[in-house]
């Protein structure tokens, strides 16, 4: 699914003028009282795009998927379980050659 540039994902990073491609949306849950709703999108911002801090995001650090995988595997305590689970799902959906080898609680995928 391609989203028009006016869709909500632009609010967090200030990216506009390009389409957002939906990778996945859904709910990760383990208990009926705790659910993590998410949406994962990809886009390619214009070369002149510059991040401006806002109420939701202070900074953006450009990183490769491999760098994030290494960080998650090395220091999983720096990440929420929701991020780790969504990131694992992203890697699976994109069929990327990476593995998150974090011990601990994982939540089953529910669409």
C-alpha atoms as a PDB file:
ATOM      1  CA  UNK A   1       0.000   0.000   0.000  1.00  0.00           C
ATOM      2  CA  UNK A   2       1.343   3.422  -0.870  1.00  0.00           C
ATOM      3  CA  UNK A   3       0.287   6.283   1.334  1.00  0.00           C
ATOM      4  CA  UNK A   4      -0.005   9.840   0.100  1.00  0.00           C
ATOM      5  CA  UNK A   5       2.554  12.270   1.565  1.00  0.00           C
ATOM      6  CA  UNK A   6      -0.084  13.879   3.791  1.00  0.00           C
ATOM      7  CA  UNK A   7      -0.529  10.742   5.887  1.00  0.00           C
ATOM      8  CA  UNK A   8       0.339  10.665   9.589  1.00  0.00           C
ATOM      9  CA  UNK A   9       3.885   9.142   9.350  1.00  0.00           C
ATOM     10  CA  UNK A  10       5.239  12.517   8.268  1.00  0.00           C
ATOM     11  CA  UNK A  11       4.305  14.049  11.626  1.00  0.00           C
ATOM     12  CA  UNK A  12       7.159  12.418  13.541  1.00  0.00           C
ATOM     13  CA  UNK A  13      10.000  13.149  11.124  1.00  0.00           C
ATOM     14  CA  UNK A  14       8.643  16.017   9.049  1.00  0.00           C
ATOM     15  CA  UNK A  15       9.043  14.107   5.770  1.00  0.00           C
ATOM     16  CA  UNK A  16       6.659  15.223   3.050  1.00  0.00           C
ATOM     17  CA  UNK A  17       6.357  15.215  -0.705  1.00  0.00           C
ATOM     18  CA  UNK A  18       7.188  11.502  -1.077  1.00  0.00           C
ATOM     19  CA  UNK A  19       5.003   8.392  -0.790  1.00  0.00           C
ATOM     20  CA  UNK A  20       5.187   6.121   2.247  1.00  0.00           C
ATOM     21  CA  UNK A  21       5.119   2.373   1.548  1.00  0.00           C
ATOM     22  CA  UNK A  22       3.388   0.336   4.246  1.00  0.00           C
ATOM     23  CA  UNK A  23       5.468  -2.628   5.423  1.00  0.00           C
ATOM     24  CA  UNK A  24       3.051  -3.715   8.154  1.00  0.00           C
ATOM     25  CA  UNK A  25       0.474  -2.496  10.628  1.00  0.00           C
ATOM     26  CA  UNK A  26      -0.970  -4.484  13.456  1.00  0.00           C
ATOM     27  CA  UNK A  27      -0.980  -5.317  17.119  1.00  0.00           C
ATOM     28  CA  UNK A  28       1.648  -7.214  19.079  1.00  0.00           C
ATOM     29  CA  UNK A  29       0.122  -8.543  22.250  1.00  0.00           C
ATOM     30  CA  UNK A  30       0.603 -11.106  24.946  1.00  0.00           C
ATOM     31  CA  UNK A  31      -2.092 -10.117  27.374  1.00  0.00           C
ATOM     32  CA  UNK A  32      -5.551  -8.706  26.681  1.00  0.00           C
ATOM     33  CA  UNK A  33      -4.738  -5.642  28.808  1.00  0.00           C
ATOM     34  CA  UNK A  34      -1.378  -4.816  27.151  1.00  0.00           C
ATOM     35  CA  UNK A  35      -1.144  -4.275  23.439  1.00  0.00           C
ATOM     36  CA  UNK A  36       1.406  -2.578  21.224  1.00  0.00           C
ATOM     37  CA  UNK A  37      -0.235  -1.087  18.127  1.00  0.00           C
ATOM     38  CA  UNK A  38       2.179  -0.143  15.381  1.00  0.00           C
ATOM     39  CA  UNK A  39       2.690   0.848  11.780  1.00  0.00           C
ATOM     40  CA  UNK A  40       5.954   0.384   9.876  1.00  0.00           C
ATOM     41  CA  UNK A  41       6.505   2.410   6.706  1.00  0.00           C
ATOM     42  CA  UNK A  42       9.378   3.039   4.318  1.00  0.00           C
ATOM     43  CA  UNK A  43      10.060   6.126   2.292  1.00  0.00           C
ATOM     44  CA  UNK A  44      12.961   7.806   0.589  1.00  0.00           C
ATOM     45  CA  UNK A  45      13.079  11.468   1.595  1.00  0.00           C
ATOM     46  CA  UNK A  46      14.349  14.111  -0.780  1.00  0.00           C
ATOM     47  CA  UNK A  47      18.121  14.620  -0.696  1.00  0.00           C
ATOM     48  CA  UNK A  48      17.645  18.090   0.763  1.00  0.00           C
ATOM     49  CA  UNK A  49      15.442  16.846   3.664  1.00  0.00           C
ATOM     50  CA  UNK A  50      16.681  17.936   7.068  1.00  0.00           C
ATOM     51  CA  UNK A  51      15.233  16.752  10.362  1.00  0.00           C
ATOM     52  CA  UNK A  52      13.752  19.382  12.664  1.00  0.00           C
ATOM     53  CA  UNK A  53      13.282  18.366  16.344  1.00  0.00           C
ATOM     54  CA  UNK A  54       9.646  18.286  17.471  1.00  0.00           C
ATOM     55  CA  UNK A  55       7.391  17.198  20.354  1.00  0.00           C
ATOM     56  CA  UNK A  56       7.764  13.497  19.462  1.00  0.00           C
ATOM     57  CA  UNK A  57      11.370  13.159  18.263  1.00  0.00           C
ATOM     58  CA  UNK A  58      14.430  15.010  19.584  1.00  0.00           C
ATOM     59  CA  UNK A  59      17.109  13.639  17.278  1.00  0.00           C
ATOM     60  CA  UNK A  60      17.586  11.301  14.336  1.00  0.00           C
ATOM     61  CA  UNK A  61      20.744   9.255  13.922  1.00  0.00           C
ATOM     62  CA  UNK A  62      21.206   7.734  10.457  1.00  0.00           C
ATOM     63  CA  UNK A  63      22.060   4.036  10.791  1.00  0.00           C
ATOM     64  CA  UNK A  64      21.983   0.938   8.655  1.00  0.00           C
ATOM     65  CA  UNK A  65      19.766  -2.008   9.542  1.00  0.00           C
ATOM     66  CA  UNK A  66      22.940  -3.977  10.330  1.00  0.00           C
ATOM     67  CA  UNK A  67      24.034  -1.321  12.836  1.00  0.00           C
ATOM     68  CA  UNK A  68      20.656  -1.403  14.607  1.00  0.00           C
ATOM     69  CA  UNK A  69      20.720  -5.229  14.695  1.00  0.00           C
ATOM     70  CA  UNK A  70      24.170  -5.088  16.312  1.00  0.00           C
ATOM     71  CA  UNK A  71      22.964  -2.552  18.903  1.00  0.00           C
ATOM     72  CA  UNK A  72      19.865  -4.587  19.769  1.00  0.00           C
ATOM     73  CA  UNK A  73      21.891  -7.778  20.097  1.00  0.00           C
ATOM     74  CA  UNK A  74      24.664  -6.108  22.127  1.00  0.00           C
ATOM     75  CA  UNK A  75      22.537  -3.961  24.459  1.00  0.00           C
ATOM     76  CA  UNK A  76      18.883  -5.047  24.302  1.00  0.00           C
ATOM     77  CA  UNK A  77      18.147  -3.191  27.534  1.00  0.00           C
ATOM     78  CA  UNK A  78      18.396   0.072  25.556  1.00  0.00           C
ATOM     79  CA  UNK A  79      15.266  -0.889  23.585  1.00  0.00           C
ATOM     80  CA  UNK A  80      11.648  -1.501  24.478  1.00  0.00           C
ATOM     81  CA  UNK A  81      10.247  -4.980  23.912  1.00  0.00           C
ATOM     82  CA  UNK A  82       7.768  -3.351  21.516  1.00  0.00           C
ATOM     83  CA  UNK A  83      10.584  -1.963  19.357  1.00  0.00           C
ATOM     84  CA  UNK A  84      12.480  -5.262  19.382  1.00  0.00           C
ATOM     85  CA  UNK A  85       9.407  -7.238  18.357  1.00  0.00           C
ATOM     86  CA  UNK A  86       8.415  -4.814  15.600  1.00  0.00           C
ATOM     87  CA  UNK A  87      12.016  -4.674  14.349  1.00  0.00           C
ATOM     88  CA  UNK A  88      12.126  -8.497  14.223  1.00  0.00           C
ATOM     89  CA  UNK A  89       8.905  -8.453  12.240  1.00  0.00           C
ATOM     90  CA  UNK A  90      10.316  -5.822   9.855  1.00  0.00           C
ATOM     91  CA  UNK A  91      13.391  -7.993   9.216  1.00  0.00           C
ATOM     92  CA  UNK A  92      11.153 -10.989   8.509  1.00  0.00           C
ATOM     93  CA  UNK A  93       8.824  -9.032   6.197  1.00  0.00           C
ATOM     94  CA  UNK A  94      11.735  -7.608   4.210  1.00  0.00           C
ATOM     95  CA  UNK A  95      13.488 -11.009   4.176  1.00  0.00           C
ATOM     96  CA  UNK A  96      16.696  -9.398   5.364  1.00  0.00           C
ATOM     97  CA  UNK A  97      19.698 -11.584   6.249  1.00  0.00           C
ATOM     98  CA  UNK A  98      19.805 -10.536   9.911  1.00  0.00           C
ATOM     99  CA  UNK A  99      18.815 -12.140  13.188  1.00  0.00           C
ATOM    100  CA  UNK A 100      17.847 -10.571  16.479  1.00  0.00           C
ATOM    101  CA  UNK A 101      19.301 -12.959  19.060  1.00  0.00           C
ATOM    102  CA  UNK A 102      17.847 -11.355  22.158  1.00  0.00           C
ATOM    103  CA  UNK A 103      16.883 -13.599  25.047  1.00  0.00           C
ATOM    104  CA  UNK A 104      13.805 -12.617  26.926  1.00  0.00           C
ATOM    105  CA  UNK A 105      10.122 -12.096  26.498  1.00  0.00           C
ATOM    106  CA  UNK A 106       8.730 -12.011  23.006  1.00  0.00           C
ATOM    107  CA  UNK A 107       5.131 -11.488  22.058  1.00  0.00           C
ATOM    108  CA  UNK A 108       3.278 -13.399  19.340  1.00  0.00           C
ATOM    109  CA  UNK A 109       2.235 -11.568  16.199  1.00  0.00           C
ATOM    110  CA  UNK A 110      -1.456 -10.829  15.739  1.00  0.00           C
ATOM    111  CA  UNK A 111      -2.799  -9.089  12.659  1.00  0.00           C
END
